[in-house]
PDB file of N, CA and C in Angstrom:
ATOM      1  N   MET A   1    -110.513 -28.302  27.087  1.00  0.00           N
ATOM      2  CA  MET A   1    -110.917 -28.299  28.687  1.00  0.00           C
ATOM      3  C   MET A   1    -110.800 -26.865  29.304  1.00  0.00           C
ATOM      4  N   PRO A   2    -112.250 -26.631  29.986  1.00  0.00           N
ATOM      5  CA  PRO A   2    -112.237 -25.742  31.228  1.00  0.00           C
ATOM      6  C   PRO A   2    -111.330 -25.496  31.822  1.00  0.00           C
ATOM      7  N   HIS A   3    -111.121 -24.095  32.221  1.00  0.00           N
ATOM      8  CA  HIS A   3    -109.857 -23.830  33.614  1.00  0.00           C
ATOM      9  C   HIS A   3    -110.357 -24.643  34.748  1.00  0.00           C
ATOM     10  N   PRO A   4    -110.048 -25.499  35.380  1.00  0.00           N
ATOM     11  CA  PRO A   4    -110.183 -25.615  36.668  1.00  0.00           C
ATOM     12  C   PRO A   4    -110.689 -24.517  37.629  1.00  0.00           C
ATOM     13  N   THR A   5    -111.690 -24.918  38.412  1.00  0.00           N
ATOM     14  CA  THR A   5    -112.209 -24.045  39.546  1.00  0.00           C
ATOM     15  C   THR A   5    -111.159 -24.238  40.632  1.00  0.00           C
ATOM     16  N   TRP A   6    -111.353 -22.843  41.768  1.00  0.00           N
ATOM     17  CA  TRP A   6    -110.400 -23.134  42.688  1.00  0.00           C
ATOM     18  C   TRP A   6    -111.081 -24.525  43.677  1.00  0.00           C
ATOM     19  N   GLN A   7    -112.293 -24.774  43.441  1.00  0.00           N
ATOM     20  CA  GLN A   7    -112.858 -26.270  44.170  1.00  0.00           C
ATOM     21  C   GLN A   7    -112.386 -27.184  43.833  1.00  0.00           C
ATOM     22  N   ASP A   8    -111.825 -27.352  42.034  1.00  0.00           N
ATOM     23  CA  ASP A   8    -111.130 -28.562  41.749  1.00  0.00           C
ATOM     24  C   ASP A   8    -109.886 -28.361  42.120  1.00  0.00           C
ATOM     25  N   LEU A   9    -108.764 -27.237  41.850  1.00  0.00           N
ATOM     26  CA  LEU A   9    -107.621 -27.202  42.362  1.00  0.00           C
ATOM     27  C   LEU A   9    -107.407 -27.808  43.726  1.00  0.00           C
ATOM     28  N   TYR A  10    -108.617 -27.000  44.636  1.00  0.00           N
ATOM     29  CA  TYR A  10    -108.698 -27.574  46.202  1.00  0.00           C
ATOM     30  C   TYR A  10    -108.724 -29.034  46.452  1.00  0.00           C
ATOM     31  N   ASN A  11    -109.511 -29.811  45.661  1.00  0.00           N
ATOM     32  CA  ASN A  11    -109.811 -31.187  45.912  1.00  0.00           C
ATOM     33  C   ASN A  11    -108.578 -31.814  45.488  1.00  0.00           C
ATOM     34  N   ASP A  12    -107.747 -31.519  44.250  1.00  0.00           N
ATOM     35  CA  ASP A  12    -106.630 -32.003  43.936  1.00  0.00           C
ATOM     36  C   ASP A  12    -105.640 -32.096  44.859  1.00  0.00           C
ATOM     37  N   ALA A  13    -105.590 -30.918  45.283  1.00  0.00           N
ATOM     38  CA  ALA A  13    -104.688 -30.814  46.415  1.00  0.00           C
ATOM     39  C   ALA A  13    -104.770 -31.811  47.901  1.00  0.00           C
ATOM     40  N   LEU A  14    -106.033 -31.924  47.795  1.00  0.00           N
ATOM     41  CA  LEU A  14    -106.726 -32.867  49.486  1.00  0.00           C
ATOM     42  C   LEU A  14    -106.036 -34.166  48.933  1.00  0.00           C
ATOM     43  N   LEU A  15    -106.657 -34.644  47.613  1.00  0.00           N
ATOM     44  CA  LEU A  15    -106.550 -35.542  47.112  1.00  0.00           C
ATOM     45  C   LEU A  15    -104.851 -36.175  46.624  1.00  0.00           C
ATOM     46  N   GLU A  16    -104.124 -35.718  47.001  1.00  0.00           N
ATOM     47  CA  GLU A  16    -102.584 -35.438  46.298  1.00  0.00           C
ATOM     48  C   GLU A  16    -101.828 -36.740  47.703  1.00  0.00           C
ATOM     49  N   TYR A  17    -101.044 -37.460  47.232  1.00  0.00           N
ATOM     50  CA  TYR A  17    -100.564 -38.648  47.916  1.00  0.00           C
ATOM     51  C   TYR A  17     -99.306 -38.251  47.574  1.00  0.00           C
ATOM     52  N   ASP A  18     -98.395 -37.761  47.038  1.00  0.00           N
ATOM     53  CA  ASP A  18     -97.026 -37.520  46.422  1.00  0.00           C
ATOM     54  C   ASP A  18     -96.693 -36.162  47.168  1.00  0.00           C
ATOM     55  N   LEU A  19     -96.233 -36.281  48.345  1.00  0.00           N
ATOM     56  CA  LEU A  19     -95.450 -35.128  48.980  1.00  0.00           C
ATOM     57  C   LEU A  19     -94.722 -34.345  48.413  1.00  0.00           C
ATOM     58  N   ALA A  20     -93.879 -34.987  47.201  1.00  0.00           N
ATOM     59  CA  ALA A  20     -93.222 -33.819  46.566  1.00  0.00           C
ATOM     60  C   ALA A  20     -94.192 -32.663  45.575  1.00  0.00           C
ATOM     61  N   LYS A  21     -95.334 -32.910  45.507  1.00  0.00           N
ATOM     62  CA  LYS A  21     -96.201 -32.772  44.367  1.00  0.00           C
ATOM     63  C   LYS A  21     -97.121 -32.181  45.405  1.00  0.00           C
ATOM     64  N   LEU A  22     -96.862 -32.061  46.429  1.00  0.00           N
ATOM     65  CA  LEU A  22     -98.610 -31.662  47.175  1.00  0.00           C
ATOM     66  C   LEU A  22     -98.147 -30.153  47.588  1.00  0.00           C
ATOM     67  N   PRO A  23     -96.613 -29.216  47.583  1.00  0.00           N
ATOM     68  CA  PRO A  23     -96.631 -27.980  47.632  1.00  0.00           C
ATOM     69  C   PRO A  23     -97.047 -27.433  46.538  1.00  0.00           C
ATOM     70  N   GLU A  24     -96.854 -27.926  45.315  1.00  0.00           N
ATOM     71  CA  GLU A  24     -97.246 -27.498  43.782  1.00  0.00           C
ATOM     72  C   GLU A  24     -99.187 -27.613  44.119  1.00  0.00           C
ATOM     73  N   ARG A  25     -99.500 -28.188  44.162  1.00  0.00           N
ATOM     74  CA  ARG A  25    -101.114 -28.582  44.640  1.00  0.00           C
ATOM     75  C   ARG A  25    -101.538 -27.224  45.111  1.00  0.00           C
ATOM     76  N   VAL A  26    -101.164 -27.506  46.557  1.00  0.00           N
ATOM     77  CA  VAL A  26    -101.710 -26.567  47.237  1.00  0.00           C
ATOM     78  C   VAL A  26    -101.165 -24.802  47.005  1.00  0.00           C
ATOM     79  N   GLU A  27    -100.408 -24.439  46.201  1.00  0.00           N
ATOM     80  CA  GLU A  27     -99.992 -23.330  45.866  1.00  0.00           C
ATOM     81  C   GLU A  27    -101.033 -22.785  44.660  1.00  0.00           C
ATOM     82  N   ALA A  28    -101.077 -24.318  43.858  1.00  0.00           N
ATOM     83  CA  ALA A  28    -102.172 -24.156  43.022  1.00  0.00           C
ATOM     84  C   ALA A  28    -103.301 -23.413  43.741  1.00  0.00           C
ATOM     85  N   ALA A  29    -104.091 -24.203  44.198  1.00  0.00           N
ATOM     86  CA  ALA A  29    -104.943 -24.114  45.309  1.00  0.00           C
ATOM     87  C   ALA A  29    -105.189 -22.575  45.447  1.00  0.00           C
ATOM     88  N   CYS A  30    -104.387 -22.231  46.496  1.00  0.00           N
ATOM     89  CA  CYS A  30    -104.602 -20.785  46.764  1.00  0.00           C
ATOM     90  C   CYS A  30    -104.293 -20.146  45.925  1.00  0.00           C
ATOM     91  N   GLN A  31    -103.719 -19.773  45.022  1.00  0.00           N
ATOM     92  CA  GLN A  31    -103.640 -18.630  43.684  1.00  0.00           C
ATOM     93  C   GLN A  31    -104.913 -18.522  43.769  1.00  0.00           C
ATOM     94  N   ALA A  32    -105.923 -19.851  43.326  1.00  0.00           N
ATOM     95  CA  ALA A  32    -107.292 -19.877  42.995  1.00  0.00           C
ATOM     96  C   ALA A  32    -108.158 -19.185  43.196  1.00  0.00           C
ATOM     97  N   ILE A  33    -108.139 -19.448  44.867  1.00  0.00           N
ATOM     98  CA  ILE A  33    -108.742 -18.962  45.441  1.00  0.00           C
ATOM     99  C   ILE A  33    -108.686 -17.186  46.107  1.00  0.00           C
ATOM    100  N   HIS A  34    -107.629 -17.024  45.824  1.00  0.00           N
ATOM    101  CA  HIS A  34    -107.368 -15.935  46.016  1.00  0.00           C
ATOM    102  C   HIS A  34    -107.347 -15.097  44.836  1.00  0.00           C
ATOM    103  N   GLN A  35    -107.437 -15.408  43.471  1.00  0.00           N
ATOM    104  CA  GLN A  35    -107.952 -14.827  42.273  1.00  0.00           C
ATOM    105  C   GLN A  35    -109.231 -14.990  42.151  1.00  0.00           C
ATOM    106  N   TYR A  36    -110.128 -16.027  43.127  1.00  0.00           N
ATOM    107  CA  TYR A  36    -111.824 -15.841  42.708  1.00  0.00           C
ATOM    108  C   TYR A  36    -112.102 -14.797  43.855  1.00  0.00           C
ATOM    109  N   ARG A  37    -111.077 -14.518  44.948  1.00  0.00           N
ATOM    110  CA  ARG A  37    -111.774 -13.946  45.861  1.00  0.00           C
ATOM    111  C   ARG A  37    -111.729 -12.410  45.055  1.00  0.00           C
ATOM    112  N   VAL A  38    -110.381 -11.927  44.140  1.00  0.00           N
ATOM    113  CA  VAL A  38    -110.449 -10.830  44.195  1.00  0.00           C
ATOM    114  C   VAL A  38    -111.435 -10.711  42.391  1.00  0.00           C
ATOM    115  N   GLN A  39    -111.866 -11.505  41.841  1.00  0.00           N
ATOM    116  CA  GLN A  39    -112.466 -11.463  40.873  1.00  0.00           C
ATOM    117  C   GLN A  39    -114.116 -11.389  41.393  1.00  0.00           C
ATOM    118  N   LYS A  40    -114.416 -11.795  42.629  1.00  0.00           N
ATOM    119  CA  LYS A  40    -115.468 -11.560  43.347  1.00  0.00           C
ATOM    120  C   LYS A  40    -115.592 -10.252  43.972  1.00  0.00           C
ATOM    121  N   GLY A  41    -114.807  -9.728  44.508  1.00  0.00           N
ATOM    122  CA  GLY A  41    -114.978  -8.314  45.319  1.00  0.00           C
ATOM    123  C   GLY A  41    -115.771  -8.768  46.022  1.00  0.00           C
ATOM    124  N   TYR A  42    -116.574  -7.739  45.841  1.00  0.00           N
ATOM    125  CA  TYR A  42    -117.798  -7.277  46.928  1.00  0.00           C
ATOM    126  C   TYR A  42    -118.946  -7.882  47.007  1.00  0.00           C
ATOM    127  N   ALA A  43    -118.685  -8.529  45.714  1.00  0.00           N
ATOM    128  CA  ALA A  43    -119.887  -9.612  45.618  1.00  0.00           C
ATOM    129  C   ALA A  43    -119.926 -10.584  46.203  1.00  0.00           C
ATOM    130  N   LEU A  44    -118.761 -11.101  47.024  1.00  0.00           N
ATOM    131  CA  LEU A  44    -118.241 -12.159  47.768  1.00  0.00           C
ATOM    132  C   LEU A  44    -119.605 -12.534  48.786  1.00  0.00           C
ATOM    133  N   THR A  45    -120.306 -13.167  49.053  1.00  0.00           N
ATOM    134  CA  THR A  45    -121.056 -13.524  50.202  1.00  0.00           C
ATOM    135  C   THR A  45    -120.582 -14.137  51.469  1.00  0.00           C
ATOM    136  N   ALA A  46    -120.940 -13.921  52.518  1.00  0.00           N
ATOM    137  CA  ALA A  46    -121.003 -14.493  53.722  1.00  0.00           C
ATOM    138  C   ALA A  46    -120.132 -15.703  53.871  1.00  0.00           C
ATOM    139  N   GLU A  47    -121.390 -16.468  53.474  1.00  0.00           N
ATOM    140  CA  GLU A  47    -121.278 -17.632  53.052  1.00  0.00           C
ATOM    141  C   GLU A  47    -119.689 -18.067  52.202  1.00  0.00           C
ATOM    142  N   GLU A  48    -119.715 -17.658  51.166  1.00  0.00           N
ATOM    143  CA  GLU A  48    -118.549 -17.244  50.289  1.00  0.00           C
ATOM    144  C   GLU A  48    -117.197 -17.686  51.127  1.00  0.00           C
ATOM    145  N   ARG A  49    -117.442 -16.503  51.577  1.00  0.00           N
ATOM    146  CA  ARG A  49    -116.012 -15.518  52.338  1.00  0.00           C
ATOM    147  C   ARG A  49    -115.772 -17.153  53.587  1.00  0.00           C
ATOM    148  N   LYS A  50    -116.692 -17.719  54.092  1.00  0.00           N
ATOM    149  CA  LYS A  50    -116.649 -18.846  54.759  1.00  0.00           C
ATOM    150  C   LYS A  50    -115.730 -19.887  54.309  1.00  0.00           C
ATOM    151  N   GLU A  51    -116.280 -20.574  53.095  1.00  0.00           N
ATOM    152  CA  GLU A  51    -116.006 -21.488  52.794  1.00  0.00           C
ATOM    153  C   GLU A  51    -114.752 -21.196  52.315  1.00  0.00           C
ATOM    154  N   LEU A  52    -114.068 -20.296  51.718  1.00  0.00           N
ATOM    155  CA  LEU A  52    -112.756 -20.032  51.301  1.00  0.00           C
ATOM    156  C   LEU A  52    -112.065 -20.305  52.370  1.00  0.00           C
ATOM    157  N   ASP A  53    -112.312 -19.337  53.507  1.00  0.00           N
ATOM    158  CA  ASP A  53    -111.011 -19.044  54.649  1.00  0.00           C
ATOM    159  C   ASP A  53    -111.128 -20.587  55.089  1.00  0.00           C
ATOM    160  N   ASP A  54    -112.289 -21.262  55.143  1.00  0.00           N
ATOM    161  CA  ASP A  54    -112.309 -22.647  55.619  1.00  0.00           C
ATOM    162  C   ASP A  54    -111.201 -23.907  54.563  1.00  0.00           C
ATOM    163  N   ALA A  55    -111.211 -23.332  53.363  1.00  0.00           N
ATOM    164  CA  ALA A  55    -110.288 -23.962  52.323  1.00  0.00           C
ATOM    165  C   ALA A  55    -109.022 -23.652  52.664  1.00  0.00           C
ATOM    166  N   LEU A  56    -108.572 -22.527  52.740  1.00  0.00           N
ATOM    167  CA  LEU A  56    -107.382 -21.967  52.816  1.00  0.00           C
ATOM    168  C   LEU A  56    -106.786 -22.663  54.422  1.00  0.00           C
ATOM    169  N   ARG A  57    -107.367 -22.545  55.297  1.00  0.00           N
ATOM    170  CA  ARG A  57    -107.166 -22.946  56.644  1.00  0.00           C
ATOM    171  C   ARG A  57    -106.721 -24.727  56.477  1.00  0.00           C
ATOM    172  N   VAL A  58    -107.576 -25.286  55.684  1.00  0.00           N
ATOM    173  CA  VAL A  58    -107.423 -27.208  55.471  1.00  0.00           C
ATOM    174  C   VAL A  58    -105.864 -27.012  54.809  1.00  0.00           C
ATOM    175  N   LEU A  59    -105.691 -25.748  53.784  1.00  0.00           N
ATOM    176  CA  LEU A  59    -105.038 -26.194  52.900  1.00  0.00           C
ATOM    177  C   LEU A  59    -103.406 -26.063  53.922  1.00  0.00           C
ATOM    178  N   PHE A  60    -103.538 -25.215  54.723  1.00  0.00           N
ATOM    179  CA  PHE A  60    -102.260 -24.989  55.655  1.00  0.00           C
ATOM    180  C   PHE A  60    -102.239 -25.758  56.351  1.00  0.00           C
ATOM    181  N   THR A  61    -102.796 -26.297  57.184  1.00  0.00           N
ATOM    182  CA  THR A  61    -102.813 -27.460  57.964  1.00  0.00           C
ATOM    183  C   THR A  61    -102.367 -28.768  57.112  1.00  0.00           C
ATOM    184  N   LEU A  62    -102.911 -29.153  56.319  1.00  0.00           N
ATOM    185  CA  LEU A  62    -102.442 -30.074  55.212  1.00  0.00           C
ATOM    186  C   LEU A  62    -100.704 -29.841  55.022  1.00  0.00           C
ATOM    187  N   MET A  63    -100.162 -28.947  54.457  1.00  0.00           N
ATOM    188  CA  MET A  63     -99.142 -28.456  54.431  1.00  0.00           C
ATOM    189  C   MET A  63     -98.346 -28.427  55.713  1.00  0.00           C
ATOM    190  N   GLN A  64     -98.475 -28.237  56.833  1.00  0.00           N
ATOM    191  CA  GLN A  64     -97.848 -28.176  58.168  1.00  0.00           C
ATOM    192  C   GLN A  64     -97.871 -29.721  58.636  1.00  0.00           C
ATOM    193  N   ARG A  65     -98.645 -30.423  58.420  1.00  0.00           N
ATOM    194  CA  ARG A  65     -98.576 -31.868  58.332  1.00  0.00           C
ATOM    195  C   ARG A  65     -97.983 -32.464  57.724  1.00  0.00           C
ATOM    196  N   ALA A  66     -98.020 -32.387  56.678  1.00  0.00           N
ATOM    197  CA  ALA A  66     -96.895 -33.165  54.879  1.00  0.00           C
ATOM    198  C   ALA A  66     -95.507 -32.848  55.741  1.00  0.00           C
ATOM    199  N   ALA A  67     -95.752 -31.134  56.581  1.00  0.00           N
ATOM    200  CA  ALA A  67     -93.509 -31.215  56.462  1.00  0.00           C
ATOM    201  C   ALA A  67     -92.686 -31.696  57.379  1.00  0.00           C
TER     202      ALA A  67
END
């Protein structure tokens, strides 16, 4: 089975209904996003940067509302 992408982990966090598992899902997605940014480095386009920033913003909001 291939390694999940940051988008897969992001979607898993968005769809998690168990509040006990949510922090773990959000953390995995955030780490994957950070790793993707590091991997792409300067090759990251403005569109990709916006997509990643938006995803992180949504994950942060999700955690705030779940608290």
